[in-house]
Amino acid sequence: MRKVAEGGKHRCNQCRSIFRWPSDLKYHIAFSHNGEQLNVCPEATCGQNFQFPFQLVNHQRTFGHHDWQIVCTVCNKLFGSQRFLSRHTQLACNRYKQEQQEQGQDSANM
């Protein structure tokens, strides 16, 4: 069963998938049909390819495949640029600290 984006009007000519935004269709065609390397993990031992930039960032954060140097002094979360740190709110900082504590408890219970 194919997912159809609500209100989508941009249809892939190759597989008939429907997308809400033209940019999503463009990424879909490049990644799914042309096999383009859009967002590749820079880690030498990894090289995973992701359809969307946010997927690469999530992967890098989860697996530590980055060389980010900017650190929040409150929660120690790493960022790729000062701009991203400046968008890091107090709420997000508290949420990150809580997630880190929960992950620590989960690994201690194993």
C-alpha atoms as a PDB file:
ATOM      1  CA  MET A   1       0.000   0.000   0.000  1.00  0.00           C
ATOM      2  CA  ARG A   2       1.454   3.335  -1.069  1.00  0.00           C
ATOM      3  CA  LYS A   3       1.504   6.311   1.246  1.00  0.00           C
ATOM      4  CA  VAL A   4      -0.197   9.373  -0.181  1.00  0.00           C
ATOM      5  CA  ALA A   5       0.646  12.723   1.321  1.00  0.00           C
ATOM      6  CA  GLU A   6      -2.515  14.528   2.358  1.00  0.00           C
ATOM      7  CA  GLY A   7      -3.187  17.279  -0.123  1.00  0.00           C
ATOM      8  CA  GLY A   8      -0.387  15.961  -2.328  1.00  0.00           C
ATOM      9  CA  LYS A   9      -0.448  16.955  -5.957  1.00  0.00           C
ATOM     10  CA  HIS A  10       3.093  16.175  -7.120  1.00  0.00           C
ATOM     11  CA  ARG A  11       3.111  12.680  -8.629  1.00  0.00           C
ATOM     12  CA  CYS A  12       6.156  10.596  -9.490  1.00  0.00           C
ATOM     13  CA  ASN A  13       5.950   9.502 -13.148  1.00  0.00           C
ATOM     14  CA  GLN A  14       7.891   6.327 -12.407  1.00  0.00           C
ATOM     15  CA  CYS A  15       6.081   4.784  -9.415  1.00  0.00           C
ATOM     16  CA  ARG A  16       3.005   7.018  -9.081  1.00  0.00           C
ATOM     17  CA  SER A  17       3.796   8.067  -5.483  1.00  0.00           C
ATOM     18  CA  ILE A  18       2.289  11.412  -4.557  1.00  0.00           C
ATOM     19  CA  PHE A  19       4.043  14.192  -2.670  1.00  0.00           C
ATOM     20  CA  ARG A  20       2.823  17.388  -1.121  1.00  0.00           C
ATOM     21  CA  TRP A  21       5.866  19.478  -2.060  1.00  0.00           C
ATOM     22  CA  PRO A  22       7.875  19.585  -5.311  1.00  0.00           C
ATOM     23  CA  SER A  23      11.114  19.356  -3.339  1.00  0.00           C
ATOM     24  CA  ASP A  24       9.958  16.064  -1.766  1.00  0.00           C
ATOM     25  CA  LEU A  25       9.267  14.677  -5.240  1.00  0.00           C
ATOM     26  CA  LYS A  26      12.703  15.825  -6.405  1.00  0.00           C
ATOM     27  CA  TYR A  27      14.415  14.070  -3.467  1.00  0.00           C
ATOM     28  CA  HIS A  28      12.299  10.959  -4.039  1.00  0.00           C
ATOM     29  CA  ILE A  29      13.265  10.661  -7.715  1.00  0.00           C
ATOM     30  CA  ALA A  30      16.948  11.299  -7.058  1.00  0.00           C
ATOM     31  CA  PHE A  31      17.150   8.862  -4.135  1.00  0.00           C
ATOM     32  CA  SER A  32      14.671   6.117  -5.059  1.00  0.00           C
ATOM     33  CA  HIS A  33      14.930   5.976  -8.830  1.00  0.00           C
ATOM     34  CA  ASN A  34      18.291   7.471  -9.809  1.00  0.00           C
ATOM     35  CA  GLY A  35      20.328   6.089  -6.888  1.00  0.00           C
ATOM     36  CA  GLU A  36      21.984   9.441  -6.250  1.00  0.00           C
ATOM     37  CA  GLN A  37      24.142   9.885  -3.173  1.00  0.00           C
ATOM     38  CA  LEU A  38      22.318  12.834  -1.633  1.00  0.00           C
ATOM     39  CA  ASN A  39      23.248  12.927   2.041  1.00  0.00           C
ATOM     40  CA  VAL A  40      26.100  10.546   2.736  1.00  0.00           C
ATOM     41  CA  CYS A  41      27.556   9.963   6.188  1.00  0.00           C
ATOM     42  CA  PRO A  42      31.147  11.278   6.154  1.00  0.00           C
ATOM     43  CA  GLU A  43      32.346   8.567   8.561  1.00  0.00           C
ATOM     44  CA  ALA A  44      34.820   6.430   6.586  1.00  0.00           C
ATOM     45  CA  THR A  45      33.505   3.154   8.006  1.00  0.00           C
ATOM     46  CA  CYS A  46      29.848   4.043   7.369  1.00  0.00           C
ATOM     47  CA  GLY A  47      28.996   5.815   4.116  1.00  0.00           C
ATOM     48  CA  GLN A  48      25.234   5.404   4.561  1.00  0.00           C
ATOM     49  CA  ASN A  49      23.115   7.416   2.130  1.00  0.00           C
ATOM     50  CA  PHE A  50      19.986   9.214   3.330  1.00  0.00           C
ATOM     51  CA  GLN A  51      17.125  10.650   1.325  1.00  0.00           C
ATOM     52  CA  PHE A  52      16.743  13.822   3.413  1.00  0.00           C
ATOM     53  CA  PRO A  53      19.317  16.009   5.222  1.00  0.00           C
ATOM     54  CA  PHE A  54      17.539  15.693   8.590  1.00  0.00           C
ATOM     55  CA  GLN A  55      17.947  11.896   8.404  1.00  0.00           C
ATOM     56  CA  LEU A  56      21.714  12.289   8.042  1.00  0.00           C
ATOM     57  CA  VAL A  57      21.852  14.696  10.992  1.00  0.00           C
ATOM     58  CA  ASN A  58      19.814  12.284  13.148  1.00  0.00           C
ATOM     59  CA  HIS A  59      22.136   9.450  12.152  1.00  0.00           C
ATOM     60  CA  GLN A  60      25.245  11.487  12.923  1.00  0.00           C
ATOM     61  CA  ARG A  61      23.911  12.497  16.323  1.00  0.00           C
ATOM     62  CA  THR A  62      22.802   8.939  17.194  1.00  0.00           C
ATOM     63  CA  PHE A  63      25.990   7.175  16.116  1.00  0.00           C
ATOM     64  CA  GLY A  64      28.538   9.928  16.789  1.00  0.00           C
ATOM     65  CA  HIS A  65      29.574  10.118  13.128  1.00  0.00           C
ATOM     66  CA  HIS A  66      30.486  13.793  13.198  1.00  0.00           C
ATOM     67  CA  ASP A  67      33.203  16.211  14.196  1.00  0.00           C
ATOM     68  CA  TRP A  68      30.943  18.797  15.762  1.00  0.00           C
ATOM     69  CA  GLN A  69      32.809  21.123  18.114  1.00  0.00           C
ATOM     70  CA  ILE A  70      30.111  23.524  19.383  1.00  0.00           C
ATOM     71  CA  VAL A  71      28.837  22.434  22.824  1.00  0.00           C
ATOM     72  CA  CYS A  72      25.932  23.621  24.965  1.00  0.00           C
ATOM     73  CA  THR A  73      27.474  24.435  28.355  1.00  0.00           C
ATOM     74  CA  VAL A  74      24.274  23.398  30.159  1.00  0.00           C
ATOM     75  CA  CYS A  75      23.461  19.973  28.674  1.00  0.00           C
ATOM     76  CA  ASN A  76      26.643  19.151  26.689  1.00  0.00           C
ATOM     77  CA  LYS A  77      24.741  18.571  23.446  1.00  0.00           C
ATOM     78  CA  LEU A  78      26.994  18.940  20.392  1.00  0.00           C
ATOM     79  CA  PHE A  79      26.170  21.141  17.407  1.00  0.00           C
ATOM     80  CA  GLY A  80      27.591  21.534  13.922  1.00  0.00           C
ATOM     81  CA  SER A  81      27.503  25.334  14.020  1.00  0.00           C
ATOM     82  CA  GLN A  82      27.032  28.275  16.335  1.00  0.00           C
ATOM     83  CA  ARG A  83      23.770  29.048  14.524  1.00  0.00           C
ATOM     84  CA  PHE A  84      22.260  25.719  15.611  1.00  0.00           C
ATOM     85  CA  LEU A  85      23.401  26.267  19.194  1.00  0.00           C
ATOM     86  CA  SER A  86      21.765  29.709  19.190  1.00  0.00           C
ATOM     87  CA  ARG A  87      18.444  28.058  18.230  1.00  0.00           C
ATOM     88  CA  HIS A  88      18.767  25.554  21.108  1.00  0.00           C
ATOM     89  CA  THR A  89      16.079  26.639  23.584  1.00  0.00           C
ATOM     90  CA  GLN A  90      15.895  26.061  27.329  1.00  0.00           C
ATOM     91  CA  LEU A  91      13.032  23.619  26.737  1.00  0.00           C
ATOM     92  CA  ALA A  92      15.089  21.657  24.213  1.00  0.00           C
ATOM     93  CA  CYS A  93      18.054  21.710  26.597  1.00  0.00           C
ATOM     94  CA  ASN A  94      15.960  20.284  29.438  1.00  0.00           C
ATOM     95  CA  ARG A  95      14.454  17.664  27.124  1.00  0.00           C
ATOM     96  CA  TYR A  96      17.945  16.608  25.955  1.00  0.00           C
ATOM     97  CA  LYS A  97      19.186  16.291  29.543  1.00  0.00           C
ATOM     98  CA  GLN A  98      16.148  14.144  30.402  1.00  0.00           C
ATOM     99  CA  GLU A  99      16.696  11.908  27.356  1.00  0.00           C
ATOM    100  CA  GLN A 100      20.336  11.424  28.311  1.00  0.00           C
ATOM    101  CA  GLN A 101      19.367  10.469  31.862  1.00  0.00           C
ATOM    102  CA  GLU A 102      16.767   7.999  30.573  1.00  0.00           C
ATOM    103  CA  GLN A 103      19.274   6.440  28.177  1.00  0.00           C
ATOM    104  CA  GLY A 104      21.728   6.093  31.056  1.00  0.00           C
ATOM    105  CA  GLN A 105      19.101   4.349  33.168  1.00  0.00           C
ATOM    106  CA  ASP A 106      18.119   2.053  30.279  1.00  0.00           C
ATOM    107  CA  SER A 107      21.704   0.924  29.703  1.00  0.00           C
ATOM    108  CA  ALA A 108      22.233   0.431  33.462  1.00  0.00           C
ATOM    109  CA  ASN A 109      19.161  -1.839  33.604  1.00  0.00           C
ATOM    110  CA  MET A 110      20.507  -4.146  30.879  1.00  0.00           C
END
